């Protein structure tokens, strides 16, 4: 869709829900015109005075509209293009973002059509550059409401809501059927997973959560995490079930010296610390490490925190290393739908080179006999299987230690198929079924285990 510079005025109005929708429009506009990651924008907006005055319900609405708009951007864009015959006008302020927001509410949220239409029109009227197109906005929104069933029937997860380059790559890597299942899984809003320090049965009851086969808890409610019992006391931390697997595969032992490279925001660091290992958390982002340190303090863990480029940092030698490498993050589109539209195929080669440097350097930091887990939250083979294949050619001191599903009981029957014939872990987003789509699935993850001779 065409990009335009935003010129939005957030209205102050007695109309219920208008302020929340104005914030959602700002977030959507920053995404489509500036390529701003949605989470970062929402975090910034929620710190503004206007957002602080909103009740939790309205803050939840801001996030719901924004996420639905980006998650189903392909469907929405197609619907708008078909119903704005001459295309969206130039110099129309935040009109595009308002239409996307309104369409998301009508098509995908439990919002009365008349409220979505009326408040969208009010937002157009409040914007100096968009208000000339009030009649257009009103007509388009009403038409989308009338033709909702037709729009949804024509929408396909892989062909409509997935960028073409990703659809082609997933079809090639996993086959047409699995590619369609991946895309369909990414349409569902995921529940929140947490890792608990101890007593999963107790905390499952307190948090109204489902205990997953892997040991993670999946929350049934949408309650803000910080308000949950046990949060302030450090009883748990937020971590997708798939993201919790690499540390389980590493099997850290008390007293071991372990480096967690590219550690922020710290979910895996916390798992390592919980095992009783001596953990060194390394990340190049000082800001992200501040958050990691805050999390460790809340959880009551002591780790060594180092601000450095992990591909250059000198430390160790270590008994074990966890390399959670920067990647395209295409396995996390359920939670971060903007990834699908912000990343491009050209990003792969740059990130693959960084992963290569991290792997090669990590081999130097390992003790003889030490083990290394390399993982990425990517569905792309260049950031997983192909990366390990090439690493073993460059580093004859490293050997692949294949995973065996029979020796990993925490995977359960639902994830036994995630162990590939080569002995890698490869979770796909449609794995781990549940009758409730929100309680199904997990992030797409790759992990491999290497051992130094």
Protein backbone atom coordinates (compact mmCIF):
# COMPACT_ATOMS: atom_id res chain seq x y z
CA UNK A 1 0.00 0.00 0.00
CA UNK A 2 1.27 3.53 -0.65
CA UNK A 3 3.13 5.29 2.12
CA UNK A 4 2.41 8.77 3.32
CA UNK A 5 3.72 10.98 6.07
CA UNK A 6 1.43 11.03 9.08
CA UNK A 7 -0.07 14.28 10.23
CA UNK A 8 -2.43 12.98 12.91
CA UNK A 9 -4.08 14.96 15.65
CA UNK A 10 -5.21 12.62 18.42
CA UNK A 11 -8.64 13.86 19.37
CA UNK A 12 -9.77 14.44 22.88
CA UNK A 13 -13.45 13.49 22.81
CA UNK A 14 -16.22 12.22 25.06
CA UNK A 15 -16.97 9.42 22.57
CA UNK A 16 -16.14 6.09 24.31
CA UNK A 17 -13.29 4.23 22.65
CA UNK A 18 -12.22 7.12 20.43
CA UNK A 19 -8.98 7.81 22.29
CA UNK A 20 -8.00 4.14 22.12
CA UNK A 21 -8.69 4.02 18.41
CA UNK A 22 -6.66 7.19 17.87
CA UNK A 23 -3.64 5.53 19.51
CA UNK A 24 -4.13 2.41 17.40
CA UNK A 25 -4.23 4.55 14.25
CA UNK A 26 -0.97 6.22 15.29
CA UNK A 27 0.68 2.83 15.77
CA UNK A 28 -0.59 1.58 12.40
CA UNK A 29 0.47 4.80 10.67
CA UNK A 30 3.99 4.58 12.13
CA UNK A 31 4.19 1.03 10.81
CA UNK A 32 2.95 1.64 7.26
CA UNK A 33 4.72 4.98 6.69
CA UNK A 34 7.94 4.60 8.71
CA UNK A 35 8.40 0.86 9.08
CA UNK A 36 8.38 1.13 12.86
CA UNK A 37 8.14 -2.21 14.75
CA UNK A 38 4.74 -2.46 16.36
CA UNK A 39 5.90 -3.50 19.83
CA UNK A 40 8.31 -0.57 20.05
CA UNK A 41 5.63 1.88 18.92
CA UNK A 42 3.04 0.57 21.36
CA UNK A 43 5.54 0.66 24.22
CA UNK A 44 6.28 4.30 23.42
CA UNK A 45 2.61 5.26 23.00
CA UNK A 46 1.59 3.60 26.25
CA UNK A 47 4.02 5.87 28.09
CA UNK A 48 2.32 9.04 26.82
CA UNK A 49 0.06 10.99 29.18
CA UNK A 50 -3.02 10.26 27.05
CA UNK A 51 -2.41 6.51 27.20
CA UNK A 52 -1.67 6.47 30.93
CA UNK A 53 -5.17 7.77 31.58
CA UNK A 54 -6.77 4.92 29.64
CA UNK A 55 -8.26 1.99 31.56
CA UNK A 56 -6.68 -1.42 30.98
CA UNK A 57 -9.62 -2.40 28.77
CA UNK A 58 -8.93 0.47 26.36
CA UNK A 59 -5.20 -0.20 26.35
CA UNK A 60 -6.06 -3.76 25.43
CA UNK A 61 -8.22 -2.45 22.60
CA UNK A 62 -5.31 -0.40 21.23
CA UNK A 63 -3.17 -3.52 21.08
CA UNK A 64 -5.97 -5.69 19.68
CA UNK A 65 -6.73 -3.29 16.82
CA UNK A 66 -3.07 -2.75 15.97
CA UNK A 67 -2.23 -6.44 16.02
CA UNK A 68 -5.28 -7.48 14.01
CA UNK A 69 -4.57 -4.78 11.43
CA UNK A 70 -1.01 -5.96 10.82
CA UNK A 71 -1.73 -9.68 11.23
CA UNK A 72 -4.35 -9.49 8.47
CA UNK A 73 -2.84 -6.63 6.49
CA UNK A 74 -2.95 -8.55 3.23
CA UNK A 75 -6.68 -9.16 3.49
CA UNK A 76 -7.37 -5.57 4.54
CA UNK A 77 -5.20 -4.07 1.80
CA UNK A 78 -6.92 -6.20 -0.84
CA UNK A 79 -10.36 -5.20 0.47
CA UNK A 80 -9.52 -1.50 0.47
CA UNK A 81 -7.94 -1.56 -2.98
CA UNK A 82 -11.05 -3.19 -4.40
CA UNK A 83 -13.32 -0.58 -2.82
CA UNK A 84 -11.37 2.62 -3.49
CA UNK A 85 -11.58 2.70 -7.27
CA UNK A 86 -8.96 5.37 -7.92
CA UNK A 87 -6.70 4.45 -5.05
CA UNK A 88 -6.22 6.35 -1.84
CA UNK A 89 -5.72 10.09 -2.45
CA UNK A 90 -2.35 11.74 -1.91
CA UNK A 91 -1.80 14.19 0.93
CA UNK A 92 -4.62 12.64 2.94
CA UNK A 93 -2.97 12.57 6.35
CA UNK A 94 -3.59 9.39 8.27
CA UNK A 95 -6.60 8.34 6.17
CA UNK A 96 -4.98 5.06 5.15
CA UNK A 97 -4.22 4.08 8.74
CA UNK A 98 -7.76 4.98 9.83
CA UNK A 99 -9.27 2.83 7.08
CA UNK A 100 -6.99 -0.08 7.97
CA UNK A 101 -7.90 0.29 11.63
CA UNK A 102 -11.63 0.44 10.88
CA UNK A 103 -11.47 -2.55 8.55
CA UNK A 104 -9.61 -4.58 11.17
CA UNK A 105 -12.37 -3.90 13.69
CA UNK A 106 -15.17 -4.77 11.28
CA UNK A 107 -13.57 -7.90 9.87
CA UNK A 108 -11.66 -9.41 12.76
CA UNK A 109 -12.67 -7.99 16.14
CA UNK A 110 -15.77 -8.28 18.27
CA UNK A 111 -16.70 -4.66 17.67
CA UNK A 112 -20.17 -3.53 16.47
CA UNK A 113 -19.95 -2.45 12.86
CA UNK A 114 -21.71 0.85 13.53
CA UNK A 115 -19.17 1.75 16.24
CA UNK A 116 -16.23 0.92 13.98
CA UNK A 117 -17.68 3.00 11.14
CA UNK A 118 -18.74 5.96 13.27
CA UNK A 119 -15.50 6.28 15.22
CA UNK A 120 -13.38 5.84 12.10
CA UNK A 121 -15.26 8.70 10.45
CA UNK A 122 -14.77 10.86 13.55
CA UNK A 123 -11.03 10.20 13.40
CA UNK A 124 -10.98 11.28 9.75
CA UNK A 125 -12.87 14.46 10.64
CA UNK A 126 -10.34 15.22 13.39
CA UNK A 127 -7.34 15.06 11.06
CA UNK A 128 -6.67 18.32 9.13
CA UNK A 129 -5.38 16.56 6.00
CA UNK A 130 -7.84 13.68 6.01
CA UNK A 131 -11.11 15.47 6.78
CA UNK A 132 -11.63 16.43 3.11
CA UNK A 133 -12.21 12.73 2.50
CA UNK A 134 -14.83 12.14 5.19
CA UNK A 135 -17.46 11.05 2.68
CA UNK A 136 -15.03 8.63 1.04
CA UNK A 137 -14.10 7.10 4.40
CA UNK A 138 -17.72 6.73 5.41
CA UNK A 139 -18.64 5.04 2.13
CA UNK A 140 -15.68 2.65 2.22
CA UNK A 141 -16.23 1.63 5.83
CA UNK A 142 -19.94 1.00 5.26
CA UNK A 143 -19.20 -1.06 2.18
CA UNK A 144 -16.69 -3.21 4.03
CA UNK A 145 -19.27 -3.82 6.74
CA UNK A 146 -21.88 -4.83 4.13
CA UNK A 147 -19.48 -7.07 2.23
CA UNK A 148 -17.70 -8.60 5.22
CA UNK A 149 -18.61 -12.22 4.38
CA UNK A 150 -17.45 -11.83 0.78
CA UNK A 151 -14.10 -10.36 1.90
CA UNK A 152 -13.42 -13.11 4.43
CA UNK A 153 -14.41 -15.88 2.03
CA UNK A 154 -11.89 -14.62 -0.54
CA UNK A 155 -9.05 -14.41 2.00
CA UNK A 156 -6.41 -17.17 2.04
CA UNK A 157 -3.75 -17.43 4.80
CA UNK A 158 -0.83 -18.15 2.46
CA UNK A 159 -1.90 -16.28 -0.67
CA UNK A 160 -3.46 -13.20 0.93
CA UNK A 161 -1.94 -12.62 4.38
CA UNK A 162 1.62 -13.77 3.68
CA UNK A 163 4.18 -11.77 1.64
CA UNK A 164 4.94 -13.57 -1.62
CA UNK A 165 8.62 -14.13 -0.85
CA UNK A 166 7.83 -15.88 2.44
CA UNK A 167 5.05 -17.97 0.92
CA UNK A 168 7.44 -19.16 -1.81
CA UNK A 169 10.22 -19.95 0.66
CA UNK A 170 7.98 -21.90 3.06
CA UNK A 171 6.47 -23.86 0.19
CA UNK A 172 9.93 -24.81 -1.04
CA UNK A 173 11.28 -25.68 2.42
CA UNK A 174 8.27 -27.47 3.93
CA UNK A 175 5.90 -28.33 1.08
CA UNK A 176 2.64 -26.71 0.06
CA UNK A 177 0.51 -28.34 2.77
CA UNK A 178 2.82 -27.36 5.64
CA UNK A 179 3.33 -23.87 4.24
CA UNK A 180 -0.45 -23.40 4.29
CA UNK A 181 -0.59 -24.70 7.87
CA UNK A 182 2.19 -22.30 8.93
CA UNK A 183 0.35 -19.34 7.42
CA UNK A 184 -2.93 -20.41 9.02
CA UNK A 185 -1.27 -20.74 12.43
CA UNK A 186 0.08 -17.21 12.11
CA UNK A 187 -3.47 -15.88 11.75
CA UNK A 188 -4.42 -16.90 15.30
CA UNK A 189 -3.70 -14.61 18.21
CA UNK A 190 -1.47 -16.62 20.57
CA UNK A 191 -1.88 -16.99 24.29
CA UNK A 192 0.94 -16.03 26.65
CA UNK A 193 3.35 -18.74 27.80
CA UNK A 194 5.33 -18.53 31.01
CA UNK A 195 8.17 -20.53 32.54
CA UNK A 196 7.80 -21.14 36.27
CA UNK A 197 10.57 -21.59 38.82
CA UNK A 198 8.85 -24.56 40.47
CA UNK A 199 5.46 -26.17 41.23
CA UNK A 200 3.88 -25.98 37.77
CA UNK A 201 0.67 -27.63 39.01
CA UNK A 202 0.28 -25.02 41.75
CA UNK A 203 0.89 -22.10 39.40
CA UNK A 204 -1.29 -23.57 36.68
CA UNK A 205 -4.18 -23.36 39.13
CA UNK A 206 -3.29 -19.87 40.37
CA UNK A 207 -2.82 -18.47 36.87
CA UNK A 208 -5.66 -20.39 35.19
CA UNK A 209 -3.13 -21.92 32.84
CA UNK A 210 -2.70 -25.08 30.83
CA UNK A 211 0.45 -27.14 31.52
CA UNK A 212 2.07 -27.86 28.17
CA UNK A 213 3.95 -31.13 27.52
CA UNK A 214 7.20 -29.15 27.54
CA UNK A 215 6.58 -27.84 31.08
CA UNK A 216 5.64 -24.29 30.09
CA UNK A 217 2.34 -22.85 31.28
CA UNK A 218 -0.07 -21.33 28.76
CA UNK A 219 -2.40 -18.68 30.18
CA UNK A 220 -6.08 -19.04 29.30
CA UNK A 221 -6.91 -15.42 30.18
CA UNK A 222 -5.73 -12.16 28.64
CA UNK A 223 -4.96 -10.55 32.01
CA UNK A 224 -1.94 -8.17 31.95
CA UNK A 225 1.03 -10.25 33.12
CA UNK A 226 2.29 -7.70 35.63
CA UNK A 227 -0.98 -7.92 37.55
CA UNK A 228 -0.87 -11.71 37.94
CA UNK A 229 -0.18 -13.34 41.31
CA UNK A 230 3.46 -14.31 41.66
CA UNK A 231 4.82 -11.81 39.13
CA UNK A 232 6.35 -9.38 41.62
CA UNK A 233 7.73 -12.28 43.64
CA UNK A 234 9.54 -13.69 40.61
CA UNK A 235 7.61 -16.96 40.43
CA UNK A 236 7.64 -16.98 36.60
CA UNK A 237 8.70 -15.15 33.50
CA UNK A 238 7.13 -14.77 30.04
CA UNK A 239 8.66 -17.10 27.45
CA UNK A 240 7.15 -18.86 24.45
CA UNK A 241 7.10 -22.63 24.83
CA UNK A 242 9.42 -23.05 21.84
CA UNK A 243 11.89 -20.49 23.18
CA UNK A 244 12.15 -22.51 26.40
CA UNK A 245 13.30 -25.65 24.57
CA UNK A 246 16.96 -24.80 23.74
CA UNK A 247 17.97 -24.59 27.40
CA UNK A 248 16.15 -27.86 28.10
CA UNK A 249 18.18 -29.38 25.26
CA UNK A 250 21.43 -27.95 26.65
CA UNK A 251 20.65 -29.59 30.03
CA UNK A 252 22.72 -27.17 32.16
CA UNK A 253 24.19 -28.55 35.36
CA UNK A 254 24.85 -26.87 38.74
CA UNK A 255 28.26 -25.21 38.85
CA UNK A 256 28.88 -25.26 35.11
CA UNK A 257 30.29 -22.12 33.48
CA UNK A 258 27.83 -21.22 30.74
CA UNK A 259 27.77 -18.27 28.36
CA UNK A 260 24.46 -17.00 27.01
CA UNK A 261 25.36 -15.06 23.87
CA UNK A 262 22.89 -12.52 22.48
CA UNK A 263 21.12 -12.97 25.80
CA UNK A 264 18.55 -10.16 26.02
CA UNK A 265 15.73 -10.04 27.00
CA UNK A 266 16.78 -12.89 29.29
CA UNK A 267 14.27 -15.73 29.27
CA UNK A 268 16.96 -18.30 28.51
CA UNK A 269 19.36 -16.56 30.91
CA UNK A 270 16.81 -17.11 33.68
CA UNK A 271 16.46 -20.79 32.79
CA UNK A 272 20.23 -21.22 32.91
CA UNK A 273 20.47 -19.43 36.24
CA UNK A 274 17.66 -21.56 37.67
CA UNK A 275 19.76 -24.67 36.98
CA UNK A 276 22.49 -23.44 39.34
CA UNK A 277 25.01 -22.78 36.58
CA UNK A 278 27.39 -19.81 36.67
CA UNK A 279 25.93 -17.72 33.84
CA UNK A 280 27.53 -14.95 31.80
CA UNK A 281 24.95 -13.04 29.74
CA UNK A 282 26.41 -11.18 26.76
CA UNK A 283 24.55 -8.76 24.49
CA UNK A 284 25.57 -5.71 22.49
CA UNK A 285 22.48 -3.66 23.45
CA UNK A 286 22.97 -1.82 26.71
CA UNK A 287 19.29 -0.88 26.78
CA UNK A 288 18.17 -4.49 26.43
CA UNK A 289 20.65 -5.59 29.08
CA UNK A 290 19.18 -3.08 31.51
CA UNK A 291 15.86 -4.84 31.06
CA UNK A 292 17.57 -8.23 31.44
CA UNK A 293 19.17 -7.09 34.70
CA UNK A 294 15.82 -5.84 35.96
CA UNK A 295 14.27 -9.20 35.17
CA UNK A 296 17.07 -11.06 36.95
CA UNK A 297 16.59 -8.85 40.01
CA UNK A 298 12.84 -9.53 40.06
CA UNK A 299 13.51 -13.25 39.72
CA UNK A 300 16.25 -13.27 42.34
CA UNK A 301 18.97 -14.61 40.02
CA UNK A 302 22.61 -13.51 40.00
CA UNK A 303 24.35 -13.55 36.62
CA UNK A 304 27.35 -11.78 35.12
CA UNK A 305 26.14 -9.24 32.57
CA UNK A 306 28.48 -8.08 29.80
CA UNK A 307 27.79 -5.42 27.18
CA UNK A 308 29.74 -6.53 24.11
CA UNK A 309 29.53 -7.78 20.56
CA UNK A 310 29.26 -11.53 21.18
CA UNK A 311 31.08 -12.29 17.91
CA UNK A 312 34.19 -10.48 19.20
CA UNK A 313 33.98 -10.81 22.99
CA UNK A 314 36.72 -12.75 24.76
CA UNK A 315 35.77 -14.82 27.78
CA UNK A 316 35.73 -18.33 29.15
CA UNK A 317 36.57 -21.04 28.43
CA UNK A 318 33.06 -22.35 29.07
CA UNK A 319 31.58 -25.75 29.73
CA UNK A 320 28.64 -24.83 27.54
CA UNK A 321 27.47 -21.98 25.34
CA UNK A 322 24.01 -21.00 24.19
CA UNK A 323 23.96 -18.99 20.96
CA UNK A 324 20.49 -17.53 20.43
CA UNK A 325 21.49 -15.81 17.24
CA UNK A 326 19.91 -12.68 15.74
CA UNK A 327 17.77 -13.74 12.79
CA UNK A 328 14.83 -12.77 10.60
CA UNK A 329 12.51 -14.05 13.38
CA UNK A 330 10.03 -15.45 10.85
CA UNK A 331 9.09 -18.13 13.36
CA UNK A 332 7.60 -15.51 15.69
CA UNK A 333 5.02 -13.98 13.34
CA UNK A 334 2.19 -15.25 15.59
CA UNK A 335 3.39 -12.87 18.30
CA UNK A 336 5.01 -10.27 16.07
CA UNK A 337 2.93 -10.04 12.87
CA UNK A 338 4.87 -7.01 11.68
CA UNK A 339 7.92 -9.23 11.11
CA UNK A 340 6.28 -10.63 7.98
CA UNK A 341 6.09 -7.17 6.41
CA UNK A 342 9.21 -5.48 7.86
CA UNK A 343 11.70 -8.18 6.91
CA UNK A 344 12.85 -8.77 3.34
CA UNK A 345 14.63 -11.66 1.65
CA UNK A 346 17.74 -9.51 1.35
CA UNK A 347 18.04 -9.49 5.16
CA UNK A 348 18.86 -13.20 5.14
CA UNK A 349 22.40 -12.99 3.77
CA UNK A 350 23.44 -10.25 6.21
CA UNK A 351 22.06 -12.11 9.20
CA UNK A 352 23.50 -15.44 8.00
CA UNK A 353 26.98 -13.87 7.96
CA UNK A 354 26.50 -12.66 11.52
CA UNK A 355 25.34 -16.13 12.60
CA UNK A 356 28.42 -17.60 10.95
CA UNK A 357 30.72 -15.29 12.92
CA UNK A 358 28.93 -16.09 16.17
CA UNK A 359 29.25 -19.83 15.62
CA UNK A 360 32.91 -19.69 14.65
CA UNK A 361 33.78 -17.47 17.59
CA UNK A 362 31.78 -19.56 20.04
CA UNK A 363 33.86 -22.59 19.11
CA UNK A 364 36.93 -20.71 20.37
CA UNK A 365 35.25 -19.97 23.73
CA UNK A 366 34.38 -23.60 24.48
CA UNK A 367 36.45 -25.92 26.65
CA UNK A 368 37.52 -29.21 25.04
CA UNK A 369 34.52 -31.49 25.36
CA UNK A 370 32.25 -28.46 25.80
CA UNK A 371 28.85 -28.34 24.18
CA UNK A 372 27.11 -25.63 22.22
CA UNK A 373 23.44 -25.08 21.43
CA UNK A 374 22.80 -22.88 18.41
CA UNK A 375 19.23 -21.69 17.97
CA UNK A 376 17.16 -19.19 16.01
CA UNK A 377 13.48 -18.26 15.96
CA UNK A 378 13.51 -18.48 12.17
CA UNK A 379 11.80 -20.76 9.67
CA UNK A 380 14.48 -20.11 7.06
CA UNK A 381 16.97 -22.98 6.39
CA UNK A 382 19.83 -20.50 5.82
CA UNK A 383 19.50 -19.56 9.49
CA UNK A 384 19.19 -23.15 10.65
CA UNK A 385 20.08 -26.40 8.89
CA UNK A 386 22.29 -24.82 6.22
CA UNK A 387 24.07 -22.68 8.79
CA UNK A 388 25.06 -25.75 10.83
CA UNK A 389 26.06 -27.71 7.73
CA UNK A 390 28.50 -25.00 6.71
CA UNK A 391 29.74 -24.48 10.28
CA UNK A 392 30.79 -28.12 10.58
CA UNK A 393 32.80 -27.80 7.36
CA UNK A 394 34.62 -24.69 8.65
CA UNK A 395 35.18 -26.05 12.18
CA UNK A 396 36.46 -29.64 12.18
CA UNK A 397 36.81 -29.48 15.99
CA UNK A 398 33.01 -29.35 16.26
CA UNK A 399 30.79 -32.39 15.86
CA UNK A 400 27.03 -32.59 15.61
CA UNK A 401 25.35 -34.36 18.51
CA UNK A 402 21.94 -35.34 17.11
CA UNK A 403 18.88 -34.98 19.30
CA UNK A 404 16.85 -38.15 19.80
CA UNK A 405 13.14 -37.75 20.54
CA UNK A 406 13.15 -40.93 22.65
CA UNK A 407 15.67 -39.33 25.02
CA UNK A 408 13.73 -36.07 25.31
CA UNK A 409 10.54 -36.97 27.19
CA UNK A 410 9.65 -33.31 27.77
CA UNK A 411 8.82 -32.98 24.07
CA UNK A 412 5.89 -35.33 24.48
CA UNK A 413 4.11 -36.94 21.56
CA UNK A 414 2.99 -33.57 20.20
CA UNK A 415 6.54 -32.41 19.49
CA UNK A 416 8.33 -35.70 18.79
CA UNK A 417 8.03 -34.86 15.07
CA UNK A 418 9.99 -31.66 15.72
CA UNK A 419 13.19 -33.74 15.79
CA UNK A 420 14.34 -34.02 12.18
CA UNK A 421 16.03 -37.08 10.64
CA UNK A 422 19.36 -35.23 10.92
CA UNK A 423 18.86 -34.74 14.68
CA UNK A 424 17.93 -31.06 14.68
CA UNK A 425 15.01 -29.49 16.52
CA UNK A 426 12.65 -27.76 14.10
CA UNK A 427 9.34 -26.63 15.60
CA UNK A 428 6.68 -25.38 13.22
CA UNK A 429 3.93 -22.97 14.33
CA UNK A 430 1.07 -25.43 13.73
CA UNK A 431 2.52 -28.09 16.04
CA UNK A 432 0.94 -28.72 19.47
CA UNK A 433 -2.76 -28.86 18.66
CA UNK A 434 -5.59 -27.63 20.85
CA UNK A 435 -9.33 -27.23 20.15
CA UNK A 436 -8.97 -23.56 21.08
CA UNK A 437 -6.77 -21.90 18.42
CA UNK A 438 -5.41 -19.46 21.03
CA UNK A 439 -4.07 -22.38 23.08
CA UNK A 440 -2.55 -24.18 20.12
CA UNK A 441 0.80 -23.82 18.39
CA UNK A 442 4.15 -22.35 19.33
CA UNK A 443 6.88 -20.27 17.71
CA UNK A 444 8.89 -21.68 14.84
CA UNK A 445 12.32 -22.55 16.24
CA UNK A 446 15.51 -24.27 15.13
CA UNK A 447 18.15 -25.73 17.44
CA UNK A 448 21.24 -27.87 16.98
CA UNK A 449 23.74 -29.28 19.45
CA UNK A 450 27.48 -29.26 18.76
CA UNK A 451 30.33 -30.67 20.82
CA UNK A 452 33.98 -29.62 20.79
CA UNK A 453 36.50 -32.43 20.43
